[in-house]
Amino acid sequence: MVGRSEESRQAILKSTLKLLGVGNRRGTTIQKLTIEAIAKQAGVSKSTIYRWWDNKAAVVIDAFVSEYLTHTPVREDVPFEEALRDHVAAVVHQYAGLDGKLVAQLIAEAQYDPAAMQEFHNRFWLGRRAAVEALIRRGIDEGVLRSDVEPGMLANLAYAPIYLRLLLHDGPLDDKFAGEIVELALHGIGLRAHALEGS
């Protein structure tokens, strides 16, 4: 990206997070956040921001991704099941705090703004799901998962309960919940062998 100043870009991303309350808990909502406020906080012009991002949602998503991905890695140095458990636990933990509120606000905003939905898909969701799909393919290669498992479907099964609880607030986002998600995703809802033997 010729002409992009990395220093200015980082200032914009950090200013966006600060305005949203990351690190200080006293931020505004995404709905109330403005490009003008970001520009003022970062010490840049609005035209500088619009040179790199098409809209507010794109700025917020880039800022969020820069903060979020470092806390929710998909590990490659451990076996499949451990990597899946670690990732789901990290996502649940991250969504239990301010990051979860930001994601919920982004999803809400995207319902009325097709451009915001496209940004959310392209810059955040597709990359995250692809990383988990790659992990699931590793699970198949390791012989942990059936070879007929569809990676995209299992990735959805791992993520869907988190987003449901995040958006509907029907229970805590905690370690117990994270463990239950992985257990259900890996072992399904069928009766266990000992239960069948006792029937």
C-alpha atoms as a PDB file:
ATOM      1  CA  MET A   1       0.000   0.000   0.000  1.00  0.00           C
ATOM      2  CA  VAL A   2       2.109   2.830  -1.317  1.00  0.00           C
ATOM      3  CA  GLY A   3       2.048   6.006   0.773  1.00  0.00           C
ATOM      4  CA  ARG A   4       0.474   4.434   3.858  1.00  0.00           C
ATOM      5  CA  SER A   5       2.112   5.637   7.044  1.00  0.00           C
ATOM      6  CA  GLU A   6       2.247   2.732   9.472  1.00  0.00           C
ATOM      7  CA  GLU A   7       2.627   5.156  12.362  1.00  0.00           C
ATOM      8  CA  SER A   8      -0.589   6.968  11.434  1.00  0.00           C
ATOM      9  CA  ARG A   9      -2.389   3.681  10.793  1.00  0.00           C
ATOM     10  CA  GLN A  10      -1.456   2.348  14.227  1.00  0.00           C
ATOM     11  CA  ALA A  11      -2.494   5.639  15.826  1.00  0.00           C
ATOM     12  CA  ILE A  12      -5.915   5.355  14.172  1.00  0.00           C
ATOM     13  CA  LEU A  13      -6.394   1.734  15.277  1.00  0.00           C
ATOM     14  CA  LYS A  14      -5.269   2.429  18.855  1.00  0.00           C
ATOM     15  CA  SER A  15      -7.427   5.550  19.028  1.00  0.00           C
ATOM     16  CA  THR A  16     -10.442   3.585  17.830  1.00  0.00           C
ATOM     17  CA  LEU A  17      -9.945   0.980  20.553  1.00  0.00           C
ATOM     18  CA  LYS A  18      -9.432   3.669  23.190  1.00  0.00           C
ATOM     19  CA  LEU A  19     -12.630   5.459  22.184  1.00  0.00           C
ATOM     20  CA  LEU A  20     -14.496   2.141  22.403  1.00  0.00           C
ATOM     21  CA  GLY A  21     -13.229   1.596  25.939  1.00  0.00           C
ATOM     22  CA  VAL A  22     -10.470  -0.978  25.433  1.00  0.00           C
ATOM     23  CA  GLY A  23      -8.117  -0.509  28.354  1.00  0.00           C
ATOM     24  CA  ASN A  24     -10.222   2.053  30.190  1.00  0.00           C
ATOM     25  CA  ARG A  25     -13.785   0.647  30.350  1.00  0.00           C
ATOM     26  CA  ARG A  26     -15.305   4.069  29.710  1.00  0.00           C
ATOM     27  CA  GLY A  27     -15.823   4.096  25.993  1.00  0.00           C
ATOM     28  CA  THR A  28     -18.588   4.896  23.582  1.00  0.00           C
ATOM     29  CA  THR A  29     -20.610   2.407  21.560  1.00  0.00           C
ATOM     30  CA  ILE A  30     -19.864   1.562  17.940  1.00  0.00           C
ATOM     31  CA  GLN A  31     -23.171   3.168  16.967  1.00  0.00           C
ATOM     32  CA  LYS A  32     -22.154   6.485  18.550  1.00  0.00           C
ATOM     33  CA  LEU A  33     -18.517   6.357  17.429  1.00  0.00           C
ATOM     34  CA  THR A  34     -17.705   8.768  14.594  1.00  0.00           C
ATOM     35  CA  ILE A  35     -14.894   9.114  12.082  1.00  0.00           C
ATOM     36  CA  GLU A  36     -14.490  12.684  13.342  1.00  0.00           C
ATOM     37  CA  ALA A  37     -13.831  11.456  16.887  1.00  0.00           C
ATOM     38  CA  ILE A  38     -11.322   8.867  15.678  1.00  0.00           C
ATOM     39  CA  ALA A  39      -9.484  11.461  13.591  1.00  0.00           C
ATOM     40  CA  LYS A  40      -9.317  13.895  16.505  1.00  0.00           C
ATOM     41  CA  GLN A  41      -8.089  11.228  18.929  1.00  0.00           C
ATOM     42  CA  ALA A  42      -5.444   9.985  16.464  1.00  0.00           C
ATOM     43  CA  GLY A  43      -4.325  13.450  15.406  1.00  0.00           C
ATOM     44  CA  VAL A  44      -5.037  12.848  11.730  1.00  0.00           C
ATOM     45  CA  SER A  45      -7.494  14.213   9.193  1.00  0.00           C
ATOM     46  CA  LYS A  46     -10.725  12.458   8.225  1.00  0.00           C
ATOM     47  CA  SER A  47      -9.386  12.206   4.675  1.00  0.00           C
ATOM     48  CA  THR A  48      -6.429  10.193   5.995  1.00  0.00           C
ATOM     49  CA  ILE A  49      -8.828   7.663   7.502  1.00  0.00           C
ATOM     50  CA  TYR A  50     -10.988   7.499   4.375  1.00  0.00           C
ATOM     51  CA  ARG A  51      -7.873   6.971   2.257  1.00  0.00           C
ATOM     52  CA  TRP A  52      -7.425   3.591   3.956  1.00  0.00           C
ATOM     53  CA  TRP A  53     -10.915   2.557   5.088  1.00  0.00           C
ATOM     54  CA  ASP A  54     -14.272   2.920   3.331  1.00  0.00           C
ATOM     55  CA  ASN A  55     -16.366   3.343   6.458  1.00  0.00           C
ATOM     56  CA  LYS A  56     -16.432   3.325  10.244  1.00  0.00           C
ATOM     57  CA  ALA A  57     -17.167  -0.394  10.431  1.00  0.00           C
ATOM     58  CA  ALA A  58     -14.004  -1.202   8.492  1.00  0.00           C
ATOM     59  CA  VAL A  59     -11.890   0.857  10.915  1.00  0.00           C
ATOM     60  CA  VAL A  60     -13.489  -0.793  13.941  1.00  0.00           C
ATOM     61  CA  ILE A  61     -13.065  -4.290  12.521  1.00  0.00           C
ATOM     62  CA  ASP A  62      -9.395  -3.723  11.693  1.00  0.00           C
ATOM     63  CA  ALA A  63      -8.808  -2.286  15.165  1.00  0.00           C
ATOM     64  CA  PHE A  64     -10.668  -5.166  16.778  1.00  0.00           C
ATOM     65  CA  VAL A  65      -8.870  -7.844  14.757  1.00  0.00           C
ATOM     66  CA  SER A  66      -5.470  -6.367  15.656  1.00  0.00           C
ATOM     67  CA  GLU A  67      -6.429  -6.650  19.341  1.00  0.00           C
ATOM     68  CA  TYR A  68      -8.381  -9.911  19.201  1.00  0.00           C
ATOM     69  CA  LEU A  69      -6.289 -12.346  17.173  1.00  0.00           C
ATOM     70  CA  THR A  70      -3.313 -12.218  19.518  1.00  0.00           C
ATOM     71  CA  HIS A  71      -5.545 -13.485  22.344  1.00  0.00           C
ATOM     72  CA  THR A  72      -7.340 -16.298  20.472  1.00  0.00           C
ATOM     73  CA  PRO A  73      -4.697 -18.236  18.523  1.00  0.00           C
ATOM     74  CA  VAL A  74      -5.269 -21.569  16.821  1.00  0.00           C
ATOM     75  CA  ARG A  75      -2.221 -23.437  18.058  1.00  0.00           C
ATOM     76  CA  GLU A  76      -0.161 -25.622  15.764  1.00  0.00           C
ATOM     77  CA  ASP A  77       2.299 -26.925  18.380  1.00  0.00           C
ATOM     78  CA  VAL A  78      -0.110 -29.289  20.166  1.00  0.00           C
ATOM     79  CA  PRO A  79      -2.395 -32.178  19.096  1.00  0.00           C
ATOM     80  CA  PHE A  80      -5.747 -31.387  17.509  1.00  0.00           C
ATOM     81  CA  GLU A  81      -8.025 -31.844  20.519  1.00  0.00           C
ATOM     82  CA  GLU A  82      -5.848 -29.734  22.813  1.00  0.00           C
ATOM     83  CA  ALA A  83      -5.622 -27.018  20.160  1.00  0.00           C
ATOM     84  CA  LEU A  84      -9.416 -26.994  19.742  1.00  0.00           C
ATOM     85  CA  ARG A  85     -10.028 -26.857  23.487  1.00  0.00           C
ATOM     86  CA  ASP A  86      -7.502 -24.051  23.909  1.00  0.00           C
ATOM     87  CA  HIS A  87      -8.992 -22.029  21.044  1.00  0.00           C
ATOM     88  CA  VAL A  88     -12.615 -22.372  22.141  1.00  0.00           C
ATOM     89  CA  ALA A  89     -11.654 -21.519  25.740  1.00  0.00           C
ATOM     90  CA  ALA A  90      -9.734 -18.448  24.521  1.00  0.00           C
ATOM     91  CA  VAL A  91     -12.670 -17.233  22.405  1.00  0.00           C
ATOM     92  CA  VAL A  92     -15.136 -17.733  25.259  1.00  0.00           C
ATOM     93  CA  HIS A  93     -12.817 -15.915  27.669  1.00  0.00           C
ATOM     94  CA  GLN A  94     -12.307 -13.033  25.226  1.00  0.00           C
ATOM     95  CA  TYR A  95     -16.025 -12.682  24.525  1.00  0.00           C
ATOM     96  CA  ALA A  96     -16.813 -12.585  28.246  1.00  0.00           C
ATOM     97  CA  GLY A  97     -15.279  -9.090  28.352  1.00  0.00           C
ATOM     98  CA  LEU A  98     -15.326  -5.918  26.312  1.00  0.00           C
ATOM     99  CA  ASP A  99     -14.362  -7.677  23.076  1.00  0.00           C
ATOM    100  CA  GLY A 100     -17.603  -9.635  23.263  1.00  0.00           C
ATOM    101  CA  LYS A 101     -19.589  -6.431  23.592  1.00  0.00           C
ATOM    102  CA  LEU A 102     -17.795  -4.996  20.557  1.00  0.00           C
ATOM    103  CA  VAL A 103     -18.529  -8.083  18.461  1.00  0.00           C
ATOM    104  CA  ALA A 104     -22.184  -8.000  19.493  1.00  0.00           C
ATOM    105  CA  GLN A 105     -22.361  -4.324  18.509  1.00  0.00           C
ATOM    106  CA  LEU A 106     -20.668  -5.034  15.163  1.00  0.00           C
ATOM    107  CA  ILE A 107     -23.134  -7.807  14.401  1.00  0.00           C
ATOM    108  CA  ALA A 108     -26.058  -5.552  15.378  1.00  0.00           C
ATOM    109  CA  GLU A 109     -24.764  -2.714  13.194  1.00  0.00           C
ATOM    110  CA  ALA A 110     -24.247  -5.108  10.296  1.00  0.00           C
ATOM    111  CA  GLN A 111     -27.949  -6.053  10.282  1.00  0.00           C
ATOM    112  CA  TYR A 112     -28.750  -2.603   8.890  1.00  0.00           C
ATOM    113  CA  ASP A 113     -25.579  -1.953   6.923  1.00  0.00           C
ATOM    114  CA  PRO A 114     -24.670  -4.396   4.114  1.00  0.00           C
ATOM    115  CA  ALA A 115     -21.210  -2.822   3.824  1.00  0.00           C
ATOM    116  CA  ALA A 116     -20.578  -3.450   7.516  1.00  0.00           C
ATOM    117  CA  MET A 117     -21.731  -7.062   7.139  1.00  0.00           C
ATOM    118  CA  GLN A 118     -19.387  -7.526   4.187  1.00  0.00           C
ATOM    119  CA  GLU A 119     -16.505  -6.057   6.179  1.00  0.00           C
ATOM    120  CA  PHE A 120     -17.269  -8.321   9.134  1.00  0.00           C
ATOM    121  CA  HIS A 121     -17.346 -11.384   6.885  1.00  0.00           C
ATOM    122  CA  ASN A 122     -14.246 -10.559   4.871  1.00  0.00           C
ATOM    123  CA  ARG A 123     -11.973  -9.083   7.524  1.00  0.00           C
ATOM    124  CA  PHE A 124     -12.940 -11.192  10.528  1.00  0.00           C
ATOM    125  CA  TRP A 125     -15.337 -14.122  10.249  1.00  0.00           C
ATOM    126  CA  LEU A 126     -14.034 -15.890   7.142  1.00  0.00           C
ATOM    127  CA  GLY A 127     -10.451 -15.867   8.377  1.00  0.00           C
ATOM    128  CA  ARG A 128     -11.379 -17.181  11.806  1.00  0.00           C
ATOM    129  CA  ARG A 129     -13.544 -19.956  10.417  1.00  0.00           C
ATOM    130  CA  ALA A 130     -10.876 -20.930   7.878  1.00  0.00           C
ATOM    131  CA  ALA A 131      -8.331 -21.276  10.694  1.00  0.00           C
ATOM    132  CA  VAL A 132     -10.646 -23.631  12.603  1.00  0.00           C
ATOM    133  CA  GLU A 133     -11.446 -25.583   9.426  1.00  0.00           C
ATOM    134  CA  ALA A 134      -7.704 -26.092   8.911  1.00  0.00           C
ATOM    135  CA  LEU A 135      -7.462 -27.327  12.498  1.00  0.00           C
ATOM    136  CA  ILE A 136     -10.319 -29.765  11.877  1.00  0.00           C
ATOM    137  CA  ARG A 137      -8.589 -31.091   8.765  1.00  0.00           C
ATOM    138  CA  ARG A 138      -5.549 -31.681  10.975  1.00  0.00           C
ATOM    139  CA  GLY A 139      -7.805 -33.634  13.340  1.00  0.00           C
ATOM    140  CA  ILE A 140      -8.883 -35.805  10.415  1.00  0.00           C
ATOM    141  CA  ASP A 141      -5.251 -36.335   9.388  1.00  0.00           C
ATOM    142  CA  GLU A 142      -4.356 -37.271  12.975  1.00  0.00           C
ATOM    143  CA  GLY A 143      -7.132 -39.867  12.970  1.00  0.00           C
ATOM    144  CA  VAL A 144      -9.041 -38.168  15.786  1.00  0.00           C
ATOM    145  CA  LEU A 145     -12.037 -37.265  13.597  1.00  0.00           C
ATOM    146  CA  ARG A 146     -13.969 -39.296  11.048  1.00  0.00           C
ATOM    147  CA  SER A 147     -12.795 -38.773   7.493  1.00  0.00           C
ATOM    148  CA  ASP A 148     -16.328 -37.833   6.378  1.00  0.00           C
ATOM    149  CA  VAL A 149     -16.549 -34.888   8.789  1.00  0.00           C
ATOM    150  CA  GLU A 150     -17.234 -31.639   6.933  1.00  0.00           C
ATOM    151  CA  PRO A 151     -14.791 -29.076   8.399  1.00  0.00           C
ATOM    152  CA  GLY A 152     -17.056 -26.072   7.829  1.00  0.00           C
ATOM    153  CA  MET A 153     -19.967 -27.714   9.637  1.00  0.00           C
ATOM    154  CA  LEU A 154     -17.873 -28.689  12.650  1.00  0.00           C
ATOM    155  CA  ALA A 155     -16.397 -25.177  12.784  1.00  0.00           C
ATOM    156  CA  ASN A 156     -19.963 -23.820  12.867  1.00  0.00           C
ATOM    157  CA  LEU A 157     -20.870 -26.260  15.639  1.00  0.00           C
ATOM    158  CA  ALA A 158     -17.934 -25.010  17.704  1.00  0.00           C
ATOM    159  CA  TYR A 159     -18.664 -21.310  17.203  1.00  0.00           C
ATOM    160  CA  ALA A 160     -22.485 -21.166  17.104  1.00  0.00           C
ATOM    161  CA  PRO A 161     -23.138 -21.714  20.851  1.00  0.00           C
ATOM    162  CA  ILE A 162     -20.656 -18.950  21.703  1.00  0.00           C
ATOM    163  CA  TYR A 163     -22.360 -16.424  19.458  1.00  0.00           C
ATOM    164  CA  LEU A 164     -25.822 -17.490  20.633  1.00  0.00           C
ATOM    165  CA  ARG A 165     -24.883 -16.969  24.281  1.00  0.00           C
ATOM    166  CA  LEU A 166     -23.045 -13.737  23.454  1.00  0.00           C
ATOM    167  CA  LEU A 167     -26.032 -12.220  21.665  1.00  0.00           C
ATOM    168  CA  LEU A 168     -28.886 -13.562  23.812  1.00  0.00           C
ATOM    169  CA  HIS A 169     -27.173 -13.512  27.240  1.00  0.00           C
ATOM    170  CA  ASP A 170     -28.743 -16.834  28.219  1.00  0.00           C
ATOM    171  CA  GLY A 171     -25.843 -17.992  30.366  1.00  0.00           C
ATOM    172  CA  PRO A 172     -22.262 -17.257  31.398  1.00  0.00           C
ATOM    173  CA  LEU A 173     -19.318 -17.281  29.030  1.00  0.00           C
ATOM    174  CA  ASP A 174     -16.982 -19.307  31.240  1.00  0.00           C
ATOM    175  CA  ASP A 175     -14.587 -22.271  31.233  1.00  0.00           C
ATOM    176  CA  LYS A 176     -17.347 -24.786  31.967  1.00  0.00           C
ATOM    177  CA  PHE A 177     -19.287 -23.601  28.931  1.00  0.00           C
ATOM    178  CA  ALA A 178     -16.164 -23.780  26.732  1.00  0.00           C
ATOM    179  CA  GLY A 179     -15.547 -27.376  27.790  1.00  0.00           C
ATOM    180  CA  GLU A 180     -19.163 -28.345  27.113  1.00  0.00           C
ATOM    181  CA  ILE A 181     -18.963 -26.913  23.588  1.00  0.00           C
ATOM    182  CA  VAL A 182     -15.918 -29.000  22.666  1.00  0.00           C
ATOM    183  CA  GLU A 183     -17.338 -32.126  24.283  1.00  0.00           C
ATOM    184  CA  LEU A 184     -20.565 -31.794  22.310  1.00  0.00           C
ATOM    185  CA  ALA A 185     -18.796 -30.943  19.053  1.00  0.00           C
ATOM    186  CA  LEU A 186     -16.437 -33.925  19.314  1.00  0.00           C
ATOM    187  CA  HIS A 187     -18.724 -36.550  20.795  1.00  0.00           C
ATOM    188  CA  GLY A 188     -22.183 -35.520  19.643  1.00  0.00           C
ATOM    189  CA  ILE A 189     -25.460 -36.249  21.382  1.00  0.00           C
ATOM    190  CA  GLY A 190     -25.609 -40.032  20.944  1.00  0.00           C
ATOM    191  CA  LEU A 191     -25.769 -42.409  23.908  1.00  0.00           C
ATOM    192  CA  ARG A 192     -22.392 -43.537  25.204  1.00  0.00           C
ATOM    193  CA  ALA A 193     -21.457 -47.194  24.818  1.00  0.00           C
ATOM    194  CA  HIS A 194     -21.875 -48.003  28.556  1.00  0.00           C
ATOM    195  CA  ALA A 195     -25.363 -46.502  28.503  1.00  0.00           C
ATOM    196  CA  LEU A 196     -26.342 -48.697  25.560  1.00  0.00           C
ATOM    197  CA  GLU A 197     -24.943 -51.788  27.294  1.00  0.00           C
ATOM    198  CA  GLY A 198     -27.070 -51.095  30.361  1.00  0.00           C
ATOM    199  CA  SER A 199     -30.327 -50.717  28.462  1.00  0.00           C
END
